[in-house]
Amino acid sequence: MINIKNVILTPLEESLMELFIAKTDKELNTLDLRKRGILHPTKVICSLRKKGAIIEVKRKYHKPIFQTGYKCLGHYTYKGWGDE
């Protein structure tokens, strides 16, 4: 059983967990995280998942505005911490 108090998080991981906890049942997407200073969200989420976080990942397709931007964005939902 993992005790979250014993897990050491980097500053980026801490800020991402704070965002997830603040938005309990809502998902965050790649653009939301980049606006909040997490420039490589996939890397941070992968690191958190290795430490025991349960984060659901969905890819959603969007129609780009003015033919620029992202066609596919990652949407992340925090579900809990392993074996809680």
N, C-alpha and C. Protein backbone atom coordinates (compact mmCIF):
# COMPACT_ATOMS: atom_id res chain seq x y z
N MET A 1 0.84 -1.19 0.00
CA MET A 1 0.00 0.00 0.00
C MET A 1 0.87 1.25 0.00
N ILE A 2 0.55 2.18 -0.86
CA ILE A 2 1.33 3.42 -0.98
C ILE A 2 0.74 4.48 -0.06
N ASN A 3 1.60 5.09 0.73
CA ASN A 3 1.18 6.20 1.56
C ASN A 3 1.61 7.48 0.86
N ILE A 4 0.67 8.28 0.44
CA ILE A 4 0.99 9.49 -0.34
C ILE A 4 1.89 10.43 0.44
N LYS A 5 1.86 10.39 1.75
CA LYS A 5 2.72 11.26 2.55
C LYS A 5 4.18 10.88 2.40
N ASN A 6 4.46 9.64 2.03
CA ASN A 6 5.84 9.18 1.87
C ASN A 6 6.36 9.33 0.44
N VAL A 7 5.54 9.80 -0.48
CA VAL A 7 5.95 9.98 -1.87
C VAL A 7 6.54 11.37 -2.04
N ILE A 8 7.72 11.43 -2.65
CA ILE A 8 8.38 12.71 -2.88
C ILE A 8 8.01 13.20 -4.28
N LEU A 9 7.45 14.40 -4.34
CA LEU A 9 7.01 14.99 -5.61
C LEU A 9 7.91 16.16 -5.98
N THR A 10 8.14 16.32 -7.27
CA THR A 10 8.88 17.48 -7.76
C THR A 10 7.94 18.70 -7.69
N PRO A 11 8.48 19.91 -7.81
CA PRO A 11 7.61 21.10 -7.79
C PRO A 11 6.54 21.08 -8.88
N LEU A 12 6.87 20.61 -10.08
CA LEU A 12 5.86 20.53 -11.15
C LEU A 12 4.78 19.51 -10.81
N GLU A 13 5.19 18.38 -10.24
CA GLU A 13 4.20 17.37 -9.84
C GLU A 13 3.29 17.90 -8.76
N GLU A 14 3.86 18.65 -7.81
CA GLU A 14 3.05 19.25 -6.75
C GLU A 14 2.02 20.23 -7.31
N SER A 15 2.46 21.08 -8.23
CA SER A 15 1.53 22.06 -8.78
C SER A 15 0.44 21.39 -9.60
N LEU A 16 0.77 20.31 -10.31
CA LEU A 16 -0.24 19.58 -11.07
C LEU A 16 -1.24 18.91 -10.13
N MET A 17 -0.77 18.31 -9.04
CA MET A 17 -1.67 17.69 -8.08
C MET A 17 -2.59 18.74 -7.44
N GLU A 18 -2.06 19.93 -7.17
CA GLU A 18 -2.89 21.00 -6.62
C GLU A 18 -4.00 21.39 -7.60
N LEU A 19 -3.67 21.43 -8.89
CA LEU A 19 -4.69 21.73 -9.91
C LEU A 19 -5.76 20.64 -9.95
N PHE A 20 -5.33 19.39 -9.91
CA PHE A 20 -6.29 18.29 -9.93
C PHE A 20 -7.20 18.31 -8.71
N ILE A 21 -6.64 18.59 -7.56
CA ILE A 21 -7.43 18.61 -6.32
C ILE A 21 -8.40 19.80 -6.34
N ALA A 22 -7.97 20.92 -6.88
CA ALA A 22 -8.84 22.11 -6.97
C ALA A 22 -10.02 21.86 -7.91
N LYS A 23 -9.81 21.07 -8.97
CA LYS A 23 -10.88 20.75 -9.94
C LYS A 23 -11.24 19.28 -9.76
N THR A 24 -11.93 18.96 -8.71
CA THR A 24 -12.15 17.57 -8.32
C THR A 24 -12.74 16.68 -9.41
N ASP A 25 -13.89 17.02 -9.97
CA ASP A 25 -14.53 16.13 -10.94
C ASP A 25 -14.38 16.61 -12.37
N LYS A 26 -13.55 17.58 -12.58
CA LYS A 26 -13.39 18.13 -13.92
C LYS A 26 -12.06 17.67 -14.50
N GLU A 27 -12.05 17.59 -15.82
CA GLU A 27 -10.81 17.20 -16.47
C GLU A 27 -10.02 18.43 -16.89
N LEU A 28 -8.73 18.27 -16.99
CA LEU A 28 -7.84 19.31 -17.46
C LEU A 28 -7.29 18.87 -18.80
N ASN A 29 -7.11 19.80 -19.72
CA ASN A 29 -6.52 19.41 -21.00
C ASN A 29 -5.12 20.00 -21.12
N THR A 30 -4.44 19.60 -22.17
CA THR A 30 -3.06 20.02 -22.38
C THR A 30 -2.91 21.53 -22.39
N LEU A 31 -3.82 22.23 -23.05
CA LEU A 31 -3.73 23.69 -23.12
C LEU A 31 -3.92 24.34 -21.75
N ASP A 32 -4.86 23.80 -20.93
CA ASP A 32 -5.05 24.32 -19.57
C ASP A 32 -3.76 24.23 -18.78
N LEU A 33 -3.10 23.09 -18.88
CA LEU A 33 -1.88 22.87 -18.10
C LEU A 33 -0.74 23.75 -18.60
N ARG A 34 -0.66 23.95 -19.90
CA ARG A 34 0.40 24.81 -20.44
C ARG A 34 0.18 26.27 -20.03
N LYS A 35 -1.07 26.70 -19.96
CA LYS A 35 -1.37 28.06 -19.50
C LYS A 35 -0.95 28.25 -18.05
N ARG A 36 -0.95 27.18 -17.28
CA ARG A 36 -0.60 27.26 -15.86
C ARG A 36 0.88 26.94 -15.60
N GLY A 37 1.68 26.89 -16.67
CA GLY A 37 3.12 26.75 -16.49
C GLY A 37 3.69 25.35 -16.60
N ILE A 38 2.86 24.38 -16.88
CA ILE A 38 3.36 23.01 -17.06
C ILE A 38 3.51 22.80 -18.56
N LEU A 39 4.72 23.00 -19.05
CA LEU A 39 4.95 23.02 -20.50
C LEU A 39 4.94 21.64 -21.14
N HIS A 40 5.28 20.61 -20.38
CA HIS A 40 5.27 19.24 -20.90
C HIS A 40 4.38 18.37 -20.01
N PRO A 41 3.07 18.53 -20.11
CA PRO A 41 2.16 17.83 -19.20
C PRO A 41 2.25 16.32 -19.29
N THR A 42 2.47 15.77 -20.47
CA THR A 42 2.53 14.32 -20.61
C THR A 42 3.66 13.73 -19.77
N LYS A 43 4.78 14.40 -19.76
CA LYS A 43 5.94 13.94 -19.00
C LYS A 43 5.65 13.94 -17.49
N VAL A 44 5.02 15.01 -17.01
CA VAL A 44 4.71 15.12 -15.57
C VAL A 44 3.65 14.09 -15.18
N ILE A 45 2.64 13.89 -16.02
CA ILE A 45 1.58 12.92 -15.72
C ILE A 45 2.14 11.51 -15.72
N CYS A 46 3.02 11.20 -16.65
CA CYS A 46 3.66 9.89 -16.69
C CYS A 46 4.45 9.64 -15.41
N SER A 47 5.17 10.64 -14.96
CA SER A 47 5.95 10.53 -13.73
C SER A 47 5.04 10.30 -12.51
N LEU A 48 3.92 11.03 -12.45
CA LEU A 48 2.97 10.85 -11.34
C LEU A 48 2.35 9.45 -11.36
N ARG A 49 2.03 8.96 -12.54
CA ARG A 49 1.43 7.63 -12.65
C ARG A 49 2.40 6.56 -12.19
N LYS A 50 3.69 6.74 -12.46
CA LYS A 50 4.70 5.78 -12.00
C LYS A 50 4.81 5.78 -10.48
N LYS A 51 4.51 6.92 -9.86
CA LYS A 51 4.57 7.03 -8.40
C LYS A 51 3.30 6.56 -7.72
N GLY A 52 2.25 6.25 -8.51
CA GLY A 52 1.04 5.69 -7.92
C GLY A 52 -0.25 6.46 -8.16
N ALA A 53 -0.17 7.60 -8.83
CA ALA A 53 -1.39 8.38 -9.10
C ALA A 53 -2.23 7.66 -10.15
N ILE A 54 -3.53 7.70 -9.97
CA ILE A 54 -4.44 7.13 -10.96
C ILE A 54 -5.03 8.31 -11.74
N ILE A 55 -4.57 8.45 -12.96
CA ILE A 55 -4.98 9.56 -13.82
C ILE A 55 -5.50 8.97 -15.12
N GLU A 56 -6.75 9.27 -15.41
CA GLU A 56 -7.37 8.79 -16.66
C GLU A 56 -7.00 9.74 -17.79
N VAL A 57 -6.57 9.17 -18.90
CA VAL A 57 -6.15 9.97 -20.05
C VAL A 57 -7.06 9.66 -21.24
N LYS A 58 -7.61 10.71 -21.84
CA LYS A 58 -8.43 10.58 -23.04
C LYS A 58 -7.88 11.53 -24.09
N ARG A 59 -7.89 11.10 -25.32
CA ARG A 59 -7.51 11.98 -26.43
C ARG A 59 -8.79 12.41 -27.13
N LYS A 60 -8.96 13.71 -27.28
CA LYS A 60 -10.15 14.23 -27.95
C LYS A 60 -9.72 15.07 -29.14
N TYR A 61 -10.45 14.91 -30.21
CA TYR A 61 -10.15 15.63 -31.44
C TYR A 61 -10.97 16.92 -31.49
N HIS A 62 -10.31 18.00 -31.89
CA HIS A 62 -10.93 19.32 -31.97
C HIS A 62 -10.72 19.88 -33.37
N LYS A 63 -11.66 20.65 -33.82
CA LYS A 63 -11.49 21.33 -35.10
C LYS A 63 -10.65 22.58 -34.85
N PRO A 64 -9.49 22.68 -35.49
CA PRO A 64 -8.64 23.85 -35.26
C PRO A 64 -9.30 25.14 -35.73
N ILE A 65 -9.11 26.20 -34.99
CA ILE A 65 -9.65 27.51 -35.36
C ILE A 65 -8.69 28.14 -36.37
N PHE A 66 -9.21 28.62 -37.46
CA PHE A 66 -8.42 29.27 -38.51
C PHE A 66 -7.32 28.35 -39.05
N GLN A 67 -7.57 27.04 -39.04
CA GLN A 67 -6.64 26.04 -39.58
C GLN A 67 -5.30 25.99 -38.86
N THR A 68 -5.22 26.52 -37.65
CA THR A 68 -4.00 26.41 -36.87
C THR A 68 -4.36 25.87 -35.50
N GLY A 69 -3.39 25.42 -34.78
CA GLY A 69 -3.63 24.92 -33.43
C GLY A 69 -3.58 23.41 -33.38
N TYR A 70 -4.11 22.87 -32.31
CA TYR A 70 -4.04 21.43 -32.06
C TYR A 70 -5.27 20.73 -32.60
N LYS A 71 -5.08 19.62 -33.27
CA LYS A 71 -6.21 18.82 -33.73
C LYS A 71 -6.61 17.80 -32.68
N CYS A 72 -5.66 17.37 -31.86
CA CYS A 72 -5.92 16.36 -30.84
C CYS A 72 -5.28 16.82 -29.53
N LEU A 73 -6.07 16.83 -28.46
CA LEU A 73 -5.56 17.24 -27.16
C LEU A 73 -5.77 16.13 -26.14
N GLY A 74 -4.83 16.02 -25.21
CA GLY A 74 -4.99 15.09 -24.11
C GLY A 74 -5.85 15.72 -23.03
N HIS A 75 -6.80 14.95 -22.52
CA HIS A 75 -7.66 15.39 -21.41
C HIS A 75 -7.40 14.45 -20.25
N TYR A 76 -7.14 15.02 -19.08
CA TYR A 76 -6.69 14.26 -17.92
C TYR A 76 -7.69 14.42 -16.77
N THR A 77 -7.99 13.30 -16.13
CA THR A 77 -8.88 13.31 -14.96
C THR A 77 -8.20 12.54 -13.84
N TYR A 78 -8.07 13.18 -12.70
CA TYR A 78 -7.45 12.56 -11.53
C TYR A 78 -8.50 11.69 -10.82
N LYS A 79 -8.17 10.41 -10.60
CA LYS A 79 -9.11 9.48 -9.97
C LYS A 79 -8.74 9.10 -8.54
N GLY A 80 -7.51 9.33 -8.17
CA GLY A 80 -7.09 8.97 -6.81
C GLY A 80 -5.62 8.59 -6.78
N TRP A 81 -5.21 8.00 -5.66
CA TRP A 81 -3.84 7.58 -5.50
C TRP A 81 -3.85 6.09 -5.18
N GLY A 82 -3.00 5.34 -5.84
CA GLY A 82 -2.98 3.88 -5.75
C GLY A 82 -3.30 3.30 -4.39
N ASP A 83 -4.15 2.29 -4.36
CA ASP A 83 -4.53 1.53 -3.14
C ASP A 83 -5.01 2.39 -2.00
N GLU A 84 -5.76 3.45 -2.31
CA GLU A 84 -6.31 4.29 -1.23
C GLU A 84 -7.42 3.55 -0.54
